[in-house]
Amino acid sequence: RMKIVSELPADRPFRLVRAEPLDDDY
């Protein structure tokens, strides 16, 4: 799982993001 920190500018037909990993929390 990941948390999106920011969306990066993209010149492609898909999105690019900067993300941080999320650990499972039990």
PDB file of all heavy atoms in Angstrom:
ATOM      1  N   ARG A   1       0.845  -1.173   0.000  1.00  0.00           N
ATOM      2  CA  ARG A   1       0.000   0.000   0.000  1.00  0.00           C
ATOM      3  C   ARG A   1       0.890   1.236   0.000  1.00  0.00           C
ATOM      4  O   ARG A   1       2.033   1.197   0.464  1.00  0.00           O
ATOM      5  CB  ARG A   1      -0.902   0.005   1.233  1.00  0.00           C
ATOM      6  CG  ARG A   1      -2.259  -0.630   0.933  1.00  0.00           C
ATOM      7  CD  ARG A   1      -3.033  -0.914   2.181  1.00  0.00           C
ATOM      8  NE  ARG A   1      -2.560  -2.109   2.879  1.00  0.00           N
ATOM      9  CZ  ARG A   1      -2.612  -3.335   2.394  1.00  0.00           C
ATOM     10  NH1 ARG A   1      -3.096  -3.549   1.202  1.00  0.00           N
ATOM     11  NH2 ARG A   1      -2.169  -4.366   3.071  1.00  0.00           N
ATOM     12  N   MET A   2       0.358   2.324  -0.538  1.00  0.00           N
ATOM     13  CA  MET A   2       1.135   3.564  -0.613  1.00  0.00           C
ATOM     14  C   MET A   2       0.222   4.753  -0.404  1.00  0.00           C
ATOM     15  O   MET A   2      -0.978   4.679  -0.615  1.00  0.00           O
ATOM     16  CB  MET A   2       1.863   3.659  -1.955  1.00  0.00           C
ATOM     17  CG  MET A   2       0.976   3.484  -3.167  1.00  0.00           C
ATOM     18  SD  MET A   2       0.772   5.011  -4.046  1.00  0.00           S
ATOM     19  CE  MET A   2      -0.523   4.596  -5.207  1.00  0.00           C
ATOM     20  N   LYS A   3       0.848   5.858   0.031  1.00  0.00           N
ATOM     21  CA  LYS A   3       0.134   7.121   0.191  1.00  0.00           C
ATOM     22  C   LYS A   3       0.719   8.091  -0.823  1.00  0.00           C
ATOM     23  O   LYS A   3       1.932   8.301  -0.870  1.00  0.00           O
ATOM     24  CB  LYS A   3       0.303   7.670   1.597  1.00  0.00           C
ATOM     25  CG  LYS A   3      -0.402   9.002   1.797  1.00  0.00           C
ATOM     26  CD  LYS A   3      -0.296   9.447   3.241  1.00  0.00           C
ATOM     27  CE  LYS A   3      -0.953  10.775   3.467  1.00  0.00           C
ATOM     28  NZ  LYS A   3      -2.376  10.788   3.368  1.00  0.00           N
ATOM     29  N   ILE A   4      -0.151   8.657  -1.640  1.00  0.00           N
ATOM     30  CA  ILE A   4       0.297   9.625  -2.637  1.00  0.00           C
ATOM     31  C   ILE A   4       0.662  10.919  -1.929  1.00  0.00           C
ATOM     32  O   ILE A   4      -0.152  11.491  -1.204  1.00  0.00           O
ATOM     33  CB  ILE A   4      -0.791   9.876  -3.704  1.00  0.00           C
ATOM     34  CG1 ILE A   4      -1.082   8.578  -4.475  1.00  0.00           C
ATOM     35  CG2 ILE A   4      -0.368  10.996  -4.649  1.00  0.00           C
ATOM     36  CD1 ILE A   4      -2.256   8.671  -5.423  1.00  0.00           C
ATOM     37  N   VAL A   5       1.891  11.365  -2.144  1.00  0.00           N
ATOM     38  CA  VAL A   5       2.377  12.611  -1.556  1.00  0.00           C
ATOM     39  C   VAL A   5       2.101  13.762  -2.513  1.00  0.00           C
ATOM     40  O   VAL A   5       1.660  14.828  -2.113  1.00  0.00           O
ATOM     41  CB  VAL A   5       3.882  12.503  -1.242  1.00  0.00           C
ATOM     42  CG1 VAL A   5       4.432  13.831  -0.751  1.00  0.00           C
ATOM     43  CG2 VAL A   5       4.137  11.389  -0.237  1.00  0.00           C
ATOM     44  N   SER A   6       2.359  13.528  -3.803  1.00  0.00           N
ATOM     45  CA  SER A   6       2.099  14.561  -4.802  1.00  0.00           C
ATOM     46  C   SER A   6       1.996  13.908  -6.173  1.00  0.00           C
ATOM     47  O   SER A   6       2.506  12.818  -6.397  1.00  0.00           O
ATOM     48  CB  SER A   6       3.203  15.623  -4.808  1.00  0.00           C
ATOM     49  OG  SER A   6       4.448  15.046  -5.141  1.00  0.00           O
ATOM     50  N   GLU A   7       1.309  14.603  -7.052  1.00  0.00           N
ATOM     51  CA  GLU A   7       1.252  14.159  -8.444  1.00  0.00           C
ATOM     52  C   GLU A   7       2.293  14.957  -9.216  1.00  0.00           C
ATOM     53  O   GLU A   7       2.419  16.164  -9.050  1.00  0.00           O
ATOM     54  CB  GLU A   7      -0.145  14.373  -9.032  1.00  0.00           C
ATOM     55  CG  GLU A   7      -0.263  13.775 -10.411  1.00  0.00           C
ATOM     56  CD  GLU A   7      -1.697  13.664 -10.904  1.00  0.00           C
ATOM     57  OE1 GLU A   7      -2.621  13.706 -10.071  1.00  0.00           O
ATOM     58  OE2 GLU A   7      -1.873  13.535 -12.125  1.00  0.00           O
ATOM     59  N   LEU A   8       3.046  14.259 -10.044  1.00  0.00           N
ATOM     60  CA  LEU A   8       4.109  14.885 -10.810  1.00  0.00           C
ATOM     61  C   LEU A   8       3.584  15.318 -12.173  1.00  0.00           C
ATOM     62  O   LEU A   8       2.667  14.685 -12.713  1.00  0.00           O
ATOM     63  CB  LEU A   8       5.268  13.903 -10.989  1.00  0.00           C
ATOM     64  CG  LEU A   8       5.844  13.327  -9.694  1.00  0.00           C
ATOM     65  CD1 LEU A   8       6.876  12.256 -10.002  1.00  0.00           C
ATOM     66  CD2 LEU A   8       6.442  14.433  -8.849  1.00  0.00           C
ATOM     67  N   PRO A   9       4.152  16.357 -12.739  1.00  0.00           N
ATOM     68  CA  PRO A   9       3.763  16.731 -14.101  1.00  0.00           C
ATOM     69  C   PRO A   9       4.094  15.555 -15.043  1.00  0.00           C
ATOM     70  O   PRO A   9       5.129  14.927 -14.892  1.00  0.00           O
ATOM     71  CB  PRO A   9       4.653  17.936 -14.419  1.00  0.00           C
ATOM     72  CG  PRO A   9       5.196  18.396 -13.114  1.00  0.00           C
ATOM     73  CD  PRO A   9       5.178  17.233 -12.180  1.00  0.00           C
ATOM     74  N   ALA A  10       3.193  15.291 -15.944  1.00  0.00           N
ATOM     75  CA  ALA A  10       3.408  14.167 -16.854  1.00  0.00           C
ATOM     76  C   ALA A  10       3.049  14.558 -18.271  1.00  0.00           C
ATOM     77  O   ALA A  10       2.030  15.200 -18.499  1.00  0.00           O
ATOM     78  CB  ALA A  10       2.575  12.961 -16.421  1.00  0.00           C
ATOM     79  N   ASP A  11       3.891  14.163 -19.192  1.00  0.00           N
ATOM     80  CA  ASP A  11       3.601  14.383 -20.606  1.00  0.00           C
ATOM     81  C   ASP A  11       3.211  13.060 -21.255  1.00  0.00           C
ATOM     82  O   ASP A  11       3.389  12.863 -22.440  1.00  0.00           O
ATOM     83  CB  ASP A  11       4.813  15.001 -21.304  1.00  0.00           C
ATOM     84  CG  ASP A  11       6.060  14.133 -21.177  1.00  0.00           C
ATOM     85  OD1 ASP A  11       6.026  13.124 -20.434  1.00  0.00           O
ATOM     86  OD2 ASP A  11       7.069  14.463 -21.825  1.00  0.00           O
ATOM     87  N   ARG A  12       2.689  12.157 -20.445  1.00  0.00           N
ATOM     88  CA  ARG A  12       2.294  10.822 -20.903  1.00  0.00           C
ATOM     89  C   ARG A  12       0.801  10.648 -20.677  1.00  0.00           C
ATOM     90  O   ARG A  12       0.187  11.409 -19.934  1.00  0.00           O
ATOM     91  CB  ARG A  12       3.074   9.772 -20.124  1.00  0.00           C
ATOM     92  CG  ARG A  12       4.570   9.946 -20.319  1.00  0.00           C
ATOM     93  CD  ARG A  12       5.330   8.994 -19.471  1.00  0.00           C
ATOM     94  NE  ARG A  12       6.749   9.220 -19.700  1.00  0.00           N
ATOM     95  CZ  ARG A  12       7.690   8.703 -18.992  1.00  0.00           C
ATOM     96  NH1 ARG A  12       7.398   7.897 -17.998  1.00  0.00           N
ATOM     97  NH2 ARG A  12       8.947   8.955 -19.249  1.00  0.00           N
ATOM     98  N   PRO A  13       0.218   9.623 -21.257  1.00  0.00           N
ATOM     99  CA  PRO A  13      -1.225   9.425 -21.075  1.00  0.00           C
ATOM    100  C   PRO A  13      -1.589   8.831 -19.713  1.00  0.00           C
ATOM    101  O   PRO A  13      -2.747   8.566 -19.445  1.00  0.00           O
ATOM    102  CB  PRO A  13      -1.596   8.465 -22.211  1.00  0.00           C
ATOM    103  CG  PRO A  13      -0.327   7.782 -22.570  1.00  0.00           C
ATOM    104  CD  PRO A  13       0.782   8.734 -22.271  1.00  0.00           C
ATOM    105  N   PHE A  14      -0.606   8.621 -18.856  1.00  0.00           N
ATOM    106  CA  PHE A  14      -0.874   8.113 -17.518  1.00  0.00           C
ATOM    107  C   PHE A  14      -0.278   9.070 -16.490  1.00  0.00           C
ATOM    108  O   PHE A  14       0.519   9.945 -16.822  1.00  0.00           O
ATOM    109  CB  PHE A  14      -0.305   6.692 -17.333  1.00  0.00           C
ATOM    110  CG  PHE A  14       1.158   6.568 -17.674  1.00  0.00           C
ATOM    111  CD1 PHE A  14       2.135   6.807 -16.728  1.00  0.00           C
ATOM    112  CD2 PHE A  14       1.557   6.183 -18.953  1.00  0.00           C
ATOM    113  CE1 PHE A  14       3.474   6.687 -17.040  1.00  0.00           C
ATOM    114  CE2 PHE A  14       2.893   6.065 -19.274  1.00  0.00           C
ATOM    115  CZ  PHE A  14       3.861   6.319 -18.313  1.00  0.00           C
ATOM    116  N   ARG A  15      -0.708   8.890 -15.262  1.00  0.00           N
ATOM    117  CA  ARG A  15      -0.283   9.787 -14.193  1.00  0.00           C
ATOM    118  C   ARG A  15       0.986   9.266 -13.527  1.00  0.00           C
ATOM    119  O   ARG A  15       1.201   8.068 -13.436  1.00  0.00           O
ATOM    120  CB  ARG A  15      -1.403   9.903 -13.174  1.00  0.00           C
ATOM    121  CG  ARG A  15      -2.655  10.497 -13.806  1.00  0.00           C
ATOM    122  CD  ARG A  15      -3.859  10.288 -12.963  1.00  0.00           C
ATOM    123  NE  ARG A  15      -4.105  11.449 -12.119  1.00  0.00           N
ATOM    124  CZ  ARG A  15      -5.283  11.734 -11.594  1.00  0.00           C
ATOM    125  NH1 ARG A  15      -6.315  10.962 -11.794  1.00  0.00           N
ATOM    126  NH2 ARG A  15      -5.429  12.803 -10.861  1.00  0.00           N
ATOM    127  N   LEU A  16       1.783  10.191 -13.033  1.00  0.00           N
ATOM    128  CA  LEU A  16       2.966   9.863 -12.245  1.00  0.00           C
ATOM    129  C   LEU A  16       2.810  10.504 -10.873  1.00  0.00           C
ATOM    130  O   LEU A  16       2.350  11.643 -10.773  1.00  0.00           O
ATOM    131  CB  LEU A  16       4.230  10.406 -12.919  1.00  0.00           C
ATOM    132  CG  LEU A  16       4.554   9.838 -14.300  1.00  0.00           C
ATOM    133  CD1 LEU A  16       5.715  10.606 -14.925  1.00  0.00           C
ATOM    134  CD2 LEU A  16       4.898   8.363 -14.198  1.00  0.00           C
ATOM    135  N   VAL A  17       3.168   9.763  -9.836  1.00  0.00           N
ATOM    136  CA  VAL A  17       3.041  10.293  -8.482  1.00  0.00           C
ATOM    137  C   VAL A  17       4.321  10.052  -7.691  1.00  0.00           C
ATOM    138  O   VAL A  17       5.105   9.163  -7.997  1.00  0.00           O
ATOM    139  CB  VAL A  17       1.849   9.654  -7.722  1.00  0.00           C
ATOM    140  CG1 VAL A  17       0.536   9.924  -8.414  1.00  0.00           C
ATOM    141  CG2 VAL A  17       2.063   8.172  -7.498  1.00  0.00           C
ATOM    142  N   ARG A  18       4.498  10.873  -6.674  1.00  0.00           N
ATOM    143  CA  ARG A  18       5.498  10.617  -5.643  1.00  0.00           C
ATOM    144  C   ARG A  18       4.699  10.025  -4.494  1.00  0.00           C
ATOM    145  O   ARG A  18       3.659  10.578  -4.106  1.00  0.00           O
ATOM    146  CB  ARG A  18       6.190  11.909  -5.228  1.00  0.00           C
ATOM    147  CG  ARG A  18       7.227  11.698  -4.118  1.00  0.00           C
ATOM    148  CD  ARG A  18       8.081  12.927  -3.871  1.00  0.00           C
ATOM    149  NE  ARG A  18       9.059  13.041  -4.955  1.00  0.00           N
ATOM    150  CZ  ARG A  18       9.088  14.025  -5.871  1.00  0.00           C
ATOM    151  NH1 ARG A  18       8.187  14.989  -5.828  1.00  0.00           N
ATOM    152  NH2 ARG A  18      10.005  14.063  -6.804  1.00  0.00           N
ATOM    153  N   ALA A  19       5.166   8.896  -3.976  1.00  0.00           N
ATOM    154  CA  ALA A  19       4.394   8.198  -2.950  1.00  0.00           C
ATOM    155  C   ALA A  19       5.313   7.681  -1.850  1.00  0.00           C
ATOM    156  O   ALA A  19       6.511   7.502  -2.056  1.00  0.00           O
ATOM    157  CB  ALA A  19       3.621   7.040  -3.577  1.00  0.00           C
ATOM    158  N   GLU A  20       4.703   7.443  -0.694  1.00  0.00           N
ATOM    159  CA  GLU A  20       5.390   6.838   0.443  1.00  0.00           C
ATOM    160  C   GLU A  20       4.772   5.475   0.710  1.00  0.00           C
ATOM    161  O   GLU A  20       3.543   5.329   0.639  1.00  0.00           O
ATOM    162  CB  GLU A  20       5.211   7.693   1.704  1.00  0.00           C
ATOM    163  CG  GLU A  20       5.792   9.073   1.623  1.00  0.00           C
ATOM    164  CD  GLU A  20       5.462   9.909   2.859  1.00  0.00           C
ATOM    165  OE1 GLU A  20       4.557   9.521   3.636  1.00  0.00           O
ATOM    166  OE2 GLU A  20       6.102  10.952   3.026  1.00  0.00           O
ATOM    167  N   PRO A  21       5.597   4.485   1.042  1.00  0.00           N
ATOM    168  CA  PRO A  21       5.028   3.170   1.386  1.00  0.00           C
ATOM    169  C   PRO A  21       4.272   3.237   2.710  1.00  0.00           C
ATOM    170  O   PRO A  21       4.618   4.006   3.610  1.00  0.00           O
ATOM    171  CB  PRO A  21       6.263   2.270   1.513  1.00  0.00           C
ATOM    172  CG  PRO A  21       7.407   3.188   1.747  1.00  0.00           C
ATOM    173  CD  PRO A  21       7.053   4.507   1.132  1.00  0.00           C
ATOM    174  N   LEU A  22       3.217   2.449   2.804  1.00  0.00           N
ATOM    175  CA  LEU A  22       2.443   2.333   4.044  1.00  0.00           C
ATOM    176  C   LEU A  22       2.566   0.907   4.561  1.00  0.00           C
ATOM    177  O   LEU A  22       2.376  -0.047   3.806  1.00  0.00           O
ATOM    178  CB  LEU A  22       0.968   2.656   3.805  1.00  0.00           C
ATOM    179  CG  LEU A  22       0.620   4.094   3.468  1.00  0.00           C
ATOM    180  CD1 LEU A  22      -0.872   4.222   3.159  1.00  0.00           C
ATOM    181  CD2 LEU A  22       0.995   5.014   4.609  1.00  0.00           C
ATOM    182  N   ASP A  23       2.876   0.770   5.819  1.00  0.00           N
ATOM    183  CA  ASP A  23       2.952  -0.553   6.431  1.00  0.00           C
ATOM    184  C   ASP A  23       1.564  -0.984   6.871  1.00  0.00           C
ATOM    185  O   ASP A  23       0.718  -0.157   7.213  1.00  0.00           O
ATOM    186  CB  ASP A  23       3.886  -0.533   7.643  1.00  0.00           C
ATOM    187  CG  ASP A  23       5.335  -0.300   7.243  1.00  0.00           C
ATOM    188  OD1 ASP A  23       5.747  -0.782   6.175  1.00  0.00           O
ATOM    189  OD2 ASP A  23       6.052   0.364   8.011  1.00  0.00           O
ATOM    190  N   ASP A  24       1.338  -2.302   6.855  1.00  0.00           N
ATOM    191  CA  ASP A  24       0.092  -2.825   7.397  1.00  0.00           C
ATOM    192  C   ASP A  24       0.082  -2.554   8.895  1.00  0.00           C
ATOM    193  O   ASP A  24       1.096  -2.676   9.577  1.00  0.00           O
ATOM    194  CB  ASP A  24      -0.017  -4.328   7.151  1.00  0.00           C
ATOM    195  CG  ASP A  24      -0.269  -4.662   5.699  1.00  0.00           C
ATOM    196  OD1 ASP A  24      -0.701  -3.767   4.953  1.00  0.00           O
ATOM    197  OD2 ASP A  24      -0.038  -5.817   5.304  1.00  0.00           O
ATOM    198  N   ASP A  25      -1.070  -2.159   9.391  1.00  0.00           N
ATOM    199  CA  ASP A  25      -1.216  -1.853  10.807  1.00  0.00           C
ATOM    200  C   ASP A  25      -2.269  -2.796  11.377  1.00  0.00           C
ATOM    201  O   ASP A  25      -3.437  -2.742  10.970  1.00  0.00           O
ATOM    202  CB  ASP A  25      -1.649  -0.391  10.973  1.00  0.00           C
ATOM    203  CG  ASP A  25      -1.788   0.012  12.432  1.00  0.00           C
ATOM    204  OD1 ASP A  25      -1.213  -0.654  13.301  1.00  0.00           O
ATOM    205  OD2 ASP A  25      -2.484   1.011  12.694  1.00  0.00           O
ATOM    206  N   TYR A  26      -1.850  -3.663  12.262  1.00  0.00           N
ATOM    207  CA  TYR A  26      -2.760  -4.617  12.877  1.00  0.00           C
ATOM    208  C   TYR A  26      -2.884  -4.284  14.370  1.00  0.00           C
ATOM    209  O   TYR A  26      -2.057  -4.713  15.179  1.00  0.00           O
ATOM    210  CB  TYR A  26      -2.260  -6.048  12.709  1.00  0.00           C
ATOM    211  CG  TYR A  26      -2.117  -6.462  11.264  1.00  0.00           C
ATOM    212  CD1 TYR A  26      -0.870  -6.690  10.699  1.00  0.00           C
ATOM    213  CD2 TYR A  26      -3.240  -6.605  10.465  1.00  0.00           C
ATOM    214  CE1 TYR A  26      -0.753  -7.062   9.380  1.00  0.00           C
ATOM    215  CE2 TYR A  26      -3.127  -6.978   9.141  1.00  0.00           C
ATOM    216  CZ  TYR A  26      -1.881  -7.211   8.608  1.00  0.00           C
ATOM    217  OH  TYR A  26      -1.760  -7.586   7.300  1.00  0.00           O
TER     218      TYR A  26
END
